[in-house]
N, C-alpha and C. Protein backbone atom coordinates (compact mmCIF):
# COMPACT_ATOMS: atom_id res chain seq x y z
N MET A 1 3.68 -22.42 18.65
CA MET A 1 3.40 -21.65 17.84
C MET A 1 4.71 -20.46 17.47
N ALA A 2 4.68 -20.31 16.45
CA ALA A 2 5.77 -19.48 15.95
C ALA A 2 5.59 -18.05 16.70
N ASP A 3 6.70 -16.90 17.01
CA ASP A 3 6.59 -15.99 17.36
C ASP A 3 6.46 -15.08 16.38
N LYS A 4 5.99 -13.74 16.00
CA LYS A 4 5.62 -12.87 15.28
C LYS A 4 6.87 -12.72 14.06
N THR A 5 7.75 -12.74 14.56
CA THR A 5 9.33 -12.29 13.66
C THR A 5 9.40 -13.96 12.96
N THR A 6 9.27 -14.92 13.51
CA THR A 6 9.58 -16.30 13.07
C THR A 6 8.21 -16.30 11.89
N GLN A 7 7.22 -15.78 12.26
CA GLN A 7 5.99 -16.23 11.71
C GLN A 7 6.15 -15.23 10.34
N GLN A 8 6.54 -13.92 10.55
CA GLN A 8 7.03 -13.26 9.32
C GLN A 8 8.39 -13.93 8.13
N HIS A 9 9.36 -14.44 8.83
CA HIS A 9 10.08 -15.54 8.15
C HIS A 9 9.49 -16.16 7.49
N LEU A 10 8.66 -17.45 8.03
CA LEU A 10 8.16 -18.46 7.56
C LEU A 10 7.16 -18.10 6.27
N ASP A 11 6.41 -16.98 6.23
CA ASP A 11 5.71 -16.55 5.53
C ASP A 11 6.68 -15.96 4.37
N HIS A 12 7.80 -15.18 4.70
CA HIS A 12 8.61 -14.86 3.68
C HIS A 12 9.14 -15.96 2.53
N ILE A 13 9.37 -16.99 3.51
CA ILE A 13 9.90 -18.15 2.67
C ILE A 13 9.02 -18.73 1.96
N ALA A 14 7.76 -19.33 2.53
CA ALA A 14 6.48 -19.71 1.77
C ALA A 14 6.47 -19.06 0.53
N ARG A 15 6.33 -17.81 0.67
CA ARG A 15 6.12 -17.05 -0.75
C ARG A 15 7.34 -17.36 -1.80
N ALA A 16 8.75 -17.58 -1.25
CA ALA A 16 9.64 -17.81 -2.07
C ALA A 16 9.41 -19.44 -2.69
N MET A 17 9.00 -20.23 -1.82
CA MET A 17 8.99 -21.41 -2.23
C MET A 17 7.78 -21.80 -3.45
N LYS A 18 6.57 -20.90 -3.25
CA LYS A 18 5.82 -20.97 -4.28
C LYS A 18 6.12 -21.59 -5.81
N ASP A 19 7.28 -21.41 -6.18
CA ASP A 19 7.59 -21.84 -7.78
C ASP A 19 8.79 -23.05 -7.81
N ILE A 20 8.93 -23.29 -6.42
CA ILE A 20 10.47 -24.41 -6.57
C ILE A 20 9.50 -25.46 -6.15
N ASP A 21 9.87 -26.53 -7.05
CA ASP A 21 9.42 -27.86 -6.98
C ASP A 21 10.63 -28.88 -6.17
N PHE A 22 11.83 -28.28 -6.42
CA PHE A 22 12.87 -29.37 -6.08
C PHE A 22 13.74 -28.79 -5.02
N ALA A 23 14.05 -29.43 -3.87
CA ALA A 23 14.92 -29.09 -2.95
C ALA A 23 16.08 -30.65 -3.07
N MET A 24 17.10 -29.77 -2.28
CA MET A 24 18.34 -30.88 -2.14
C MET A 24 18.06 -31.46 -0.70
N LEU A 25 18.27 -32.64 -0.17
CA LEU A 25 17.90 -33.28 0.92
C LEU A 25 19.21 -33.67 1.32
N GLY A 26 19.68 -33.34 2.26
CA GLY A 26 20.98 -33.85 2.74
C GLY A 26 20.97 -34.24 3.83
N THR A 27 21.90 -35.94 3.99
CA THR A 27 21.40 -36.44 5.31
C THR A 27 23.52 -36.90 5.53
N HIS A 28 23.24 -37.30 6.47
CA HIS A 28 24.84 -37.68 7.21
C HIS A 28 24.78 -39.48 6.90
N THR A 29 25.98 -39.66 6.32
CA THR A 29 26.13 -40.95 5.62
C THR A 29 26.49 -42.05 7.21
N LYS A 30 26.61 -43.43 6.93
CA LYS A 30 27.32 -43.92 8.16
C LYS A 30 28.91 -43.61 8.73
N ASP A 31 29.40 -43.10 7.32
CA ASP A 31 31.03 -42.55 7.27
C ASP A 31 31.24 -41.20 7.79
N GLY A 32 29.99 -40.76 7.96
CA GLY A 32 30.26 -39.30 8.17
C GLY A 32 29.86 -38.46 7.25
N GLN A 33 30.13 -38.81 5.83
CA GLN A 33 30.04 -37.96 4.81
C GLN A 33 28.54 -37.47 4.44
N ILE A 34 28.54 -36.36 3.76
CA ILE A 34 27.12 -35.82 3.71
C ILE A 34 26.55 -36.36 2.30
N GLY A 35 25.11 -36.91 2.23
CA GLY A 35 24.64 -37.29 0.67
C GLY A 35 23.36 -36.27 0.90
N ALA A 36 23.64 -36.33 -0.54
CA ALA A 36 22.27 -34.97 -0.89
C ALA A 36 21.60 -35.34 -2.20
N ARG A 37 20.23 -35.72 -2.04
CA ARG A 37 19.83 -36.03 -3.13
C ARG A 37 18.58 -35.18 -3.59
N PRO A 38 17.94 -34.99 -4.84
CA PRO A 38 16.85 -34.07 -5.09
C PRO A 38 15.64 -34.62 -4.72
N MET A 39 14.72 -33.98 -4.45
CA MET A 39 13.37 -34.39 -3.95
C MET A 39 12.23 -33.28 -3.98
N SER A 40 11.23 -33.82 -4.47
CA SER A 40 10.10 -32.83 -5.12
C SER A 40 9.31 -32.64 -3.77
N ASN A 41 8.91 -31.29 -3.38
CA ASN A 41 8.20 -30.62 -2.54
C ASN A 41 6.33 -30.97 -2.73
N ASN A 42 6.16 -31.87 -3.97
CA ASN A 42 4.92 -32.11 -4.29
C ASN A 42 4.21 -30.74 -4.42
N GLY A 43 4.36 -29.45 -4.56
CA GLY A 43 3.51 -28.66 -4.85
C GLY A 43 2.96 -28.05 -3.42
N GLN A 44 3.57 -28.54 -2.29
CA GLN A 44 3.05 -28.35 -1.06
C GLN A 44 4.03 -27.14 -0.57
N VAL A 45 3.52 -25.90 -0.44
CA VAL A 45 4.48 -24.66 -0.10
C VAL A 45 3.49 -23.91 0.75
N ASP A 46 2.57 -24.53 1.40
CA ASP A 46 2.06 -23.45 2.73
C ASP A 46 2.92 -23.84 3.78
N TYR A 47 4.28 -23.15 3.63
CA TYR A 47 4.96 -23.73 4.64
C TYR A 47 5.13 -22.95 5.92
N SER A 48 4.93 -24.02 6.97
CA SER A 48 5.26 -23.48 8.48
C SER A 48 6.10 -24.42 8.88
N GLY A 49 7.39 -24.96 8.23
CA GLY A 49 8.31 -25.79 9.24
C GLY A 49 8.11 -26.85 8.50
N ASP A 50 7.40 -27.61 8.19
CA ASP A 50 7.30 -29.24 7.86
C ASP A 50 7.25 -29.35 6.33
N SER A 51 8.22 -30.14 6.01
CA SER A 51 7.98 -30.95 4.71
C SER A 51 7.86 -32.27 4.61
N TYR A 52 6.93 -32.92 3.40
CA TYR A 52 7.07 -34.14 3.29
C TYR A 52 7.23 -34.54 2.07
N TYR A 53 8.02 -35.77 2.06
CA TYR A 53 8.67 -36.09 0.60
C TYR A 53 8.51 -37.75 0.84
N PHE A 54 8.17 -38.35 -0.47
CA PHE A 54 7.97 -39.80 -1.06
C PHE A 54 9.22 -40.30 -1.17
N THR A 55 9.63 -41.70 -0.76
CA THR A 55 10.56 -42.05 -1.15
C THR A 55 10.16 -43.92 -0.71
N TRP A 56 11.55 -44.42 -1.09
CA TRP A 56 11.52 -45.95 -0.81
C TRP A 56 12.26 -46.28 0.65
N GLU A 57 11.39 -47.24 1.10
CA GLU A 57 12.22 -47.73 2.29
C GLU A 57 13.66 -48.23 2.27
N ASP A 58 13.63 -48.93 1.49
CA ASP A 58 15.30 -48.99 1.37
C ASP A 58 16.55 -48.60 0.52
N SER A 59 16.15 -47.33 0.73
CA SER A 59 17.06 -46.33 -0.05
C SER A 59 17.96 -45.86 0.86
N LEU A 60 19.38 -45.45 0.41
CA LEU A 60 19.99 -45.37 1.04
C LEU A 60 19.82 -44.02 1.87
N MET A 61 18.99 -43.17 1.66
CA MET A 61 18.78 -41.89 2.37
C MET A 61 18.02 -42.35 3.52
N VAL A 62 17.34 -43.11 3.41
CA VAL A 62 16.10 -43.65 4.83
C VAL A 62 17.04 -44.36 5.63
N THR A 63 18.54 -45.34 5.14
CA THR A 63 18.97 -45.85 5.96
C THR A 63 19.71 -44.84 6.40
N ASP A 64 20.25 -43.66 6.33
CA ASP A 64 20.76 -42.62 6.46
C ASP A 64 20.33 -41.99 7.83
N ILE A 65 18.90 -41.72 7.23
CA ILE A 65 18.02 -40.99 8.49
C ILE A 65 17.93 -41.89 9.73
N LYS A 66 17.74 -43.25 9.44
CA LYS A 66 17.39 -43.92 10.87
C LYS A 66 18.83 -43.70 11.56
N GLY A 67 19.90 -43.55 10.85
CA GLY A 67 21.39 -43.68 11.79
C GLY A 67 21.45 -41.96 12.06
N ASP A 68 21.30 -41.20 11.59
CA ASP A 68 20.93 -39.88 12.54
C ASP A 68 19.54 -38.82 11.53
N PRO A 69 19.05 -38.59 11.97
CA PRO A 69 17.76 -37.79 11.73
C PRO A 69 17.88 -36.52 11.43
N LYS A 70 19.13 -35.69 11.95
CA LYS A 70 19.35 -34.37 11.54
C LYS A 70 19.59 -34.56 9.76
N VAL A 71 18.94 -33.17 9.30
CA VAL A 71 19.08 -33.03 7.98
C VAL A 71 18.92 -31.44 7.69
N GLY A 72 19.15 -31.62 6.25
CA GLY A 72 19.63 -30.18 5.85
C GLY A 72 18.85 -30.44 4.13
N LEU A 73 17.64 -29.31 4.13
CA LEU A 73 16.96 -28.95 2.94
C LEU A 73 17.74 -27.44 2.37
N SER A 74 17.99 -27.71 0.93
CA SER A 74 18.40 -26.38 0.27
C SER A 74 17.29 -26.12 -0.87
N PHE A 75 16.82 -24.95 -1.28
CA PHE A 75 15.98 -24.33 -2.29
C PHE A 75 16.72 -23.33 -2.96
N GLN A 76 16.55 -23.08 -4.10
CA GLN A 76 17.09 -22.28 -5.03
C GLN A 76 15.96 -21.89 -5.98
N GLY A 77 15.37 -20.44 -5.91
CA GLY A 77 14.47 -20.21 -6.73
C GLY A 77 15.12 -19.80 -8.16
N ALA A 78 14.21 -19.45 -9.56
CA ALA A 78 14.50 -18.92 -10.69
C ALA A 78 14.74 -17.24 -10.10
N PRO A 79 15.75 -17.09 -11.14
CA PRO A 79 15.92 -15.36 -11.11
C PRO A 79 14.61 -14.88 -11.56
N SER A 80 14.37 -13.55 -11.06
CA SER A 80 13.55 -12.62 -11.98
C SER A 80 13.24 -12.06 -13.09
N PRO A 81 12.34 -11.95 -14.19
CA PRO A 81 12.58 -11.41 -15.31
C PRO A 81 13.22 -10.00 -15.18
N GLN A 82 13.15 -9.24 -14.33
CA GLN A 82 14.43 -8.27 -13.95
C GLN A 82 15.52 -8.29 -13.41
N GLY A 83 15.96 -9.41 -13.49
CA GLY A 83 17.40 -10.03 -13.25
C GLY A 83 17.80 -10.16 -11.23
N ALA A 84 16.78 -9.99 -11.12
CA ALA A 84 17.18 -10.60 -9.24
C ALA A 84 17.25 -11.62 -9.33
N PRO A 85 18.42 -12.02 -8.33
CA PRO A 85 18.50 -13.34 -8.28
C PRO A 85 17.36 -13.95 -7.46
N GLY A 86 17.36 -15.58 -7.64
CA GLY A 86 16.00 -16.24 -7.33
C GLY A 86 16.44 -16.28 -5.58
N ALA A 87 15.71 -16.80 -4.96
CA ALA A 87 15.65 -17.11 -3.72
C ALA A 87 16.70 -18.07 -3.13
N PHE A 88 17.42 -18.03 -2.15
CA PHE A 88 18.47 -19.43 -1.65
C PHE A 88 17.73 -19.42 -0.49
N ILE A 89 17.38 -20.48 0.20
CA ILE A 89 16.48 -21.08 0.97
C ILE A 89 17.70 -22.15 1.89
N ALA A 90 17.86 -22.29 3.27
CA ALA A 90 18.70 -23.48 3.78
C ALA A 90 17.63 -23.75 4.90
N ILE A 91 17.56 -24.92 4.95
CA ILE A 91 16.49 -25.22 6.14
C ILE A 91 17.30 -26.54 7.15
N GLU A 92 17.78 -26.49 8.30
CA GLU A 92 17.73 -27.73 9.09
C GLU A 92 16.52 -28.25 9.99
N GLY A 93 16.92 -29.46 10.05
CA GLY A 93 15.53 -30.18 10.84
C GLY A 93 15.88 -31.42 11.00
N GLU A 94 15.08 -32.34 11.51
CA GLU A 94 14.70 -33.60 11.98
C GLU A 94 13.56 -34.28 11.13
N ALA A 95 14.46 -35.54 10.52
CA ALA A 95 13.31 -36.25 9.59
C ALA A 95 13.01 -37.46 10.79
N LYS A 96 11.73 -37.62 10.48
CA LYS A 96 10.82 -38.83 10.59
C LYS A 96 10.54 -39.63 9.58
N ILE A 97 10.54 -41.16 9.79
CA ILE A 97 10.00 -42.14 8.62
C ILE A 97 8.55 -42.28 9.06
N VAL A 98 7.49 -42.20 8.04
CA VAL A 98 6.33 -42.12 7.98
C VAL A 98 5.99 -43.60 7.20
N ARG A 99 5.49 -44.50 8.10
CA ARG A 99 4.80 -45.77 7.26
C ARG A 99 3.13 -45.63 7.52
N ASP A 100 2.60 -44.42 7.67
CA ASP A 100 0.99 -44.49 8.09
C ASP A 100 0.06 -44.22 6.88
N LYS A 101 -0.68 -45.07 6.11
CA LYS A 101 -1.11 -44.81 4.84
C LYS A 101 -2.02 -43.78 4.88
N ALA A 102 -2.82 -43.47 6.33
CA ALA A 102 -3.47 -42.28 6.21
C ALA A 102 -2.74 -40.92 5.91
N ALA A 103 -1.69 -40.82 6.44
CA ALA A 103 -0.67 -39.53 6.19
C ALA A 103 -0.42 -39.65 5.13
N PHE A 104 0.06 -40.68 4.38
CA PHE A 104 0.25 -40.65 2.58
C PHE A 104 -0.92 -40.13 1.88
N GLU A 105 -2.10 -40.49 2.15
CA GLU A 105 -3.28 -40.08 1.74
C GLU A 105 -3.18 -38.24 1.60
N LYS A 106 -3.22 -37.89 2.95
CA LYS A 106 -3.09 -36.33 2.98
C LYS A 106 -1.92 -35.68 2.47
N HIS A 107 -0.99 -36.48 1.96
CA HIS A 107 0.12 -35.42 1.02
C HIS A 107 0.50 -35.97 -0.02
N TRP A 108 -0.57 -36.56 -0.71
CA TRP A 108 -0.29 -37.32 -1.94
C TRP A 108 -0.77 -36.36 -2.82
N THR A 109 -0.56 -36.16 -4.18
CA THR A 109 -0.61 -35.17 -4.78
C THR A 109 -0.47 -35.97 -5.88
N GLU A 110 -1.37 -35.40 -7.12
CA GLU A 110 -1.40 -35.76 -8.84
C GLU A 110 0.07 -35.77 -9.43
N GLY A 111 0.31 -37.08 -10.05
CA GLY A 111 1.75 -37.11 -10.32
C GLY A 111 2.88 -37.83 -9.72
N LEU A 112 2.48 -38.29 -8.35
CA LEU A 112 3.31 -39.17 -7.75
C LEU A 112 3.35 -40.37 -8.38
N GLU A 113 2.47 -40.83 -8.81
CA GLU A 113 2.03 -42.24 -9.53
C GLU A 113 3.62 -42.41 -10.78
N ARG A 114 4.10 -41.42 -10.92
CA ARG A 114 5.11 -41.49 -11.90
C ARG A 114 6.46 -42.53 -11.28
N TRP A 115 6.25 -42.23 -9.92
CA TRP A 115 7.26 -42.79 -9.21
C TRP A 115 6.99 -44.25 -8.24
N PHE A 116 5.67 -43.91 -8.12
CA PHE A 116 5.05 -44.81 -7.11
C PHE A 116 3.86 -45.37 -7.83
N LYS A 117 3.72 -46.16 -8.74
CA LYS A 117 2.85 -47.08 -9.67
C LYS A 117 1.35 -47.24 -9.17
N ASP A 118 1.63 -47.74 -7.82
CA ASP A 118 0.42 -48.00 -7.20
C ASP A 118 -0.10 -47.12 -6.06
N GLY A 119 0.33 -45.72 -6.39
CA GLY A 119 -0.28 -44.79 -5.28
C GLY A 119 0.15 -45.15 -3.92
N THR A 120 -0.53 -44.91 -3.24
CA THR A 120 -0.53 -44.73 -1.53
C THR A 120 -0.29 -46.42 -1.35
N GLU A 121 -0.84 -47.15 -2.21
CA GLU A 121 -0.56 -48.68 -1.83
C GLU A 121 0.93 -49.19 -2.15
N THR A 122 1.48 -48.36 -2.99
CA THR A 122 2.84 -48.86 -3.52
C THR A 122 3.76 -49.54 -2.42
N GLU A 123 3.98 -51.19 -2.36
CA GLU A 123 4.87 -51.61 -1.34
C GLU A 123 6.13 -50.86 -1.34
N GLY A 124 6.49 -50.74 -0.03
CA GLY A 124 8.09 -50.16 0.28
C GLY A 124 8.31 -48.93 0.11
N MET A 125 7.21 -48.23 0.22
CA MET A 125 6.96 -46.58 -0.09
C MET A 125 6.87 -46.15 1.64
N VAL A 126 7.65 -45.06 1.66
CA VAL A 126 7.46 -44.46 2.85
C VAL A 126 7.36 -42.93 2.47
N MET A 127 7.19 -41.91 3.86
CA MET A 127 7.14 -40.42 3.60
C MET A 127 8.03 -40.10 4.50
N LEU A 128 8.71 -39.17 4.23
CA LEU A 128 9.56 -38.46 5.42
C LEU A 128 9.03 -37.32 5.66
N HIS A 129 8.98 -36.97 6.98
CA HIS A 129 8.74 -35.85 7.59
C HIS A 129 9.53 -35.12 7.96
N ILE A 130 9.84 -33.73 7.40
CA ILE A 130 10.67 -33.09 8.19
C ILE A 130 10.30 -31.94 8.95
N LYS A 131 10.65 -31.64 9.94
CA LYS A 131 10.28 -30.57 10.79
C LYS A 131 11.61 -29.85 11.23
N ALA A 132 11.25 -28.41 10.64
CA ALA A 132 12.49 -27.92 10.73
C ALA A 132 12.83 -27.42 12.13
N THR A 133 14.15 -26.96 11.89
CA THR A 133 14.50 -26.48 13.46
C THR A 133 15.28 -24.96 13.30
N ARG A 134 15.91 -24.91 12.03
CA ARG A 134 16.53 -23.63 12.02
C ARG A 134 16.37 -23.27 10.37
N ALA A 135 16.39 -21.90 10.30
CA ALA A 135 16.42 -22.03 8.24
C ALA A 135 17.10 -20.61 8.26
N ALA A 136 17.35 -20.15 7.06
CA ALA A 136 18.09 -19.14 6.41
C ALA A 136 17.78 -18.95 5.37
N TYR A 137 17.42 -17.53 4.76
CA TYR A 137 17.43 -17.25 3.59
C TYR A 137 17.96 -15.87 2.96
N TRP A 138 17.90 -15.94 1.75
CA TRP A 138 18.70 -14.56 0.89
C TRP A 138 18.02 -14.39 -0.30
N ASP A 139 17.52 -13.51 -0.69
CA ASP A 139 16.82 -13.32 -2.06
C ASP A 139 17.27 -12.07 -2.90
N GLY A 140 18.24 -11.35 -2.37
CA GLY A 140 18.88 -10.36 -2.85
C GLY A 140 18.62 -8.98 -2.38
N GLU A 141 17.54 -9.02 -1.63
CA GLU A 141 16.98 -7.91 -1.11
C GLU A 141 17.17 -8.16 0.66
N ASN A 142 16.00 -9.11 0.76
CA ASN A 142 15.77 -9.73 2.11
C ASN A 142 16.42 -11.21 2.68
N GLU A 143 17.04 -10.99 4.09
CA GLU A 143 17.61 -12.17 4.39
C GLU A 143 17.54 -12.41 5.70
N GLY A 144 17.38 -13.45 6.31
CA GLY A 144 16.81 -14.31 7.53
C GLY A 144 17.64 -15.20 8.19
N ASP A 145 17.96 -15.40 9.30
CA ASP A 145 18.47 -16.63 9.77
C ASP A 145 17.84 -16.70 10.94
N PHE A 146 17.11 -17.69 11.23
CA PHE A 146 16.31 -17.88 12.57
C PHE A 146 16.10 -19.34 13.14
N ASP A 147 15.57 -19.44 14.26
CA ASP A 147 15.25 -20.78 15.00
C ASP A 147 14.02 -20.68 14.65
N ILE A 148 13.66 -21.99 14.59
CA ILE A 148 11.81 -22.27 14.25
C ILE A 148 11.60 -23.22 15.56
N ALA A 149 10.56 -22.90 16.43
CA ALA A 149 9.96 -23.42 17.81
C ALA A 149 9.07 -24.47 17.25
């Protein structure tokens, strides 16, 4: 359970993420480079430090995660109509590769069929569960940099 200050930071991030659909997911390649790919958060913005993304088992991203599960997520929100910058959020975490169809069902959202035509039964599909360990954000007025227990 997060302490009160950490929970306040997480609540702030969740509000900022409400309208952000895509994140950049950064992995470590076998050569020590950083690979980054856009991933949809599937509208799951009740953020408590866990993120879920569907992808392909044979993707380079999954290969990278098998070699080093430490990943980074970056989010950028749209500027406000008043001209304030959107939120910038950086998450560090550990990725797990999930192959459990019951877990797929729990996190499946309408529209994913665009990429996975057979839904949760799509052959070769996996889900990434990213458990945040650290986060930082800045939105022009507020900022935070904190560990997530």
